[in-house]
Amino acid sequence: MIEADVQARNREIVSEVMKAVFVEREPVRVMHLFSEHYIQHNPLIPNGREAIPAMIAGLPEDFSYQPGMLVADDELVMIHGRYVGWTAKPVVAVDIFRLEDGKLVEHWDVLQEEVPAQQAVNGNAMFP
């Protein structure tokens, strides 16, 4: 089991990376937080940290990202977020990162088109 301070630092790293990459669009600032052998499981993004700046450069001008809940379990950190402008409709996602020695080494994501609360059978929003 990983110590609480390491889990807290892992949460901070993921939060910092997501903000730098998707909110501020300054991926170069956090490239040192990605492993040289970064493994990407999103089928649209190549492996390797060098793919990150190119991905960001290709985002539409009206793209935005809103971070949400952040959960850590040992070396895994999950962040709930909302992407607008990446696809035709807003997408709610859970991005899952595995960290080793303070670096992102692997990434998965689960994406779902956002359904507004007023159109949901249960009346609940998918993202706060």
Protein backbone atom coordinates (compact mmCIF):
# COMPACT_ATOMS: atom_id res chain seq x y z
CA MET A 1 0.00 0.00 0.00
CA ILE A 2 1.24 3.48 -0.84
CA GLU A 3 1.63 6.05 1.92
CA ALA A 4 -1.02 8.77 2.22
CA ASP A 5 1.45 11.53 1.32
CA VAL A 6 2.40 9.74 -1.92
CA GLN A 7 -1.30 9.37 -2.82
CA ALA A 8 -1.84 13.05 -2.08
CA ARG A 9 1.14 13.97 -4.29
CA ASN A 10 -0.20 11.71 -7.08
CA ARG A 11 -3.55 13.54 -6.89
CA GLU A 12 -1.72 16.88 -7.11
CA ILE A 13 0.29 15.71 -10.13
CA VAL A 14 -2.81 14.60 -12.05
CA SER A 15 -4.64 17.83 -11.17
CA GLU A 16 -1.66 19.92 -12.26
CA VAL A 17 -1.25 18.00 -15.53
CA MET A 18 -4.94 18.17 -16.48
CA LYS A 19 -5.07 21.90 -15.75
CA ALA A 20 -1.86 22.65 -17.66
CA VAL A 21 -2.80 20.50 -20.64
CA PHE A 22 -6.54 21.11 -21.02
CA VAL A 23 -7.28 24.43 -19.30
CA GLU A 24 -4.11 26.47 -19.84
CA ARG A 25 -2.99 24.49 -22.91
CA GLU A 26 0.62 24.58 -21.77
CA PRO A 27 1.63 20.90 -21.92
CA VAL A 28 5.36 21.65 -22.17
CA ARG A 29 5.25 22.98 -18.60
CA VAL A 30 4.37 19.52 -17.27
CA MET A 31 6.10 17.20 -19.74
CA HIS A 32 8.62 16.27 -17.02
CA LEU A 33 5.70 14.65 -15.15
CA PHE A 34 5.15 12.11 -17.95
CA SER A 35 7.32 9.00 -18.19
CA GLU A 36 9.51 8.68 -21.28
CA HIS A 37 7.64 5.42 -21.89
CA TYR A 38 4.11 6.79 -21.32
CA ILE A 39 1.50 4.20 -22.37
CA GLN A 40 -1.73 5.53 -23.85
CA HIS A 41 -4.88 3.37 -24.01
CA ASN A 42 -7.08 5.92 -25.82
CA PRO A 43 -7.07 4.48 -29.37
CA LEU A 44 -6.94 7.96 -30.94
CA ILE A 45 -3.73 9.10 -29.19
CA PRO A 46 -0.27 7.58 -29.77
CA ASN A 47 1.95 6.24 -26.99
CA GLY A 48 4.69 8.49 -25.64
CA ARG A 49 4.72 11.85 -23.92
CA GLU A 50 5.70 13.61 -27.14
CA ALA A 51 2.14 13.00 -28.44
CA ILE A 52 0.65 15.31 -25.79
CA PRO A 53 1.64 18.73 -27.24
CA ALA A 54 0.50 17.65 -30.71
CA MET A 55 -2.86 16.50 -29.33
CA ILE A 56 -3.39 19.84 -27.61
CA ALA A 57 -2.34 21.80 -30.69
CA GLY A 58 -5.09 19.98 -32.60
CA LEU A 59 -7.89 20.95 -30.22
CA PRO A 60 -10.50 23.40 -31.53
CA GLU A 61 -10.25 27.01 -30.38
CA ASP A 62 -13.57 26.75 -28.52
CA PHE A 63 -12.48 23.62 -26.60
CA SER A 64 -12.84 23.69 -22.81
CA TYR A 65 -12.29 21.29 -19.92
CA GLN A 66 -13.82 21.32 -16.45
CA PRO A 67 -12.21 19.08 -13.82
CA GLY A 68 -14.41 17.39 -11.26
CA MET A 69 -13.97 14.70 -8.62
CA LEU A 70 -10.47 13.33 -8.06
CA VAL A 71 -9.88 9.93 -6.44
CA ALA A 72 -6.62 8.12 -5.68
CA ASP A 73 -6.10 4.44 -4.90
CA ASP A 74 -2.46 3.52 -4.48
CA GLU A 75 -0.74 4.31 -7.80
CA LEU A 76 -4.02 4.95 -9.65
CA VAL A 77 -5.64 8.39 -9.86
CA MET A 78 -9.02 8.99 -11.48
CA ILE A 79 -10.43 12.38 -12.41
CA HIS A 80 -14.01 13.05 -13.49
CA GLY A 81 -14.21 15.82 -16.07
CA ARG A 82 -16.27 17.50 -18.76
CA TYR A 83 -14.87 18.12 -22.25
CA VAL A 84 -16.66 20.61 -24.50
CA GLY A 85 -15.63 21.06 -28.13
CA TRP A 86 -13.62 17.87 -28.47
CA THR A 87 -16.58 16.20 -30.18
CA ALA A 88 -19.89 17.53 -31.52
CA LYS A 89 -21.53 17.13 -28.10
CA PRO A 90 -20.05 17.68 -24.62
CA VAL A 91 -18.43 14.56 -23.19
CA VAL A 92 -18.22 13.52 -19.55
CA ALA A 93 -15.18 11.38 -18.81
CA VAL A 94 -13.22 9.55 -16.20
CA ASP A 95 -9.51 9.73 -16.95
CA ILE A 96 -7.49 7.08 -15.15
CA PHE A 97 -3.75 7.46 -14.66
CA ARG A 98 -1.15 5.10 -13.22
CA LEU A 99 1.84 6.81 -11.65
CA GLU A 100 5.29 5.54 -10.70
CA ASP A 101 7.84 7.63 -8.84
CA GLY A 102 5.86 10.84 -9.37
CA LYS A 103 5.38 10.38 -13.12
CA LEU A 104 2.40 9.46 -15.28
CA VAL A 105 3.20 6.10 -16.85
CA GLU A 106 -0.17 4.97 -18.20
CA HIS A 107 -3.59 6.42 -19.12
CA TRP A 108 -7.08 5.07 -19.79
CA ASP A 109 -10.31 6.99 -20.26
CA VAL A 110 -14.01 6.27 -20.29
CA LEU A 111 -16.04 8.80 -22.28
CA GLN A 112 -19.79 9.33 -22.58
CA GLU A 113 -21.80 11.96 -24.41
CA GLU A 114 -23.39 14.25 -21.86
CA VAL A 115 -27.16 14.03 -21.49
CA PRO A 116 -28.67 17.17 -19.91
CA ALA A 117 -30.47 16.53 -16.61
CA GLN A 118 -33.82 17.62 -18.06
CA GLN A 119 -33.49 14.86 -20.69
CA ALA A 120 -32.35 12.15 -18.26
CA VAL A 121 -34.92 9.66 -17.04
CA ASN A 122 -33.70 10.21 -13.46
CA GLY A 123 -33.40 13.99 -13.76
CA ASN A 124 -29.79 13.92 -12.56
CA ALA A 125 -26.91 15.80 -14.13
CA MET A 126 -23.94 13.74 -15.28
CA PHE A 127 -21.53 16.43 -14.22
CA PRO A 128 -22.03 18.99 -11.43
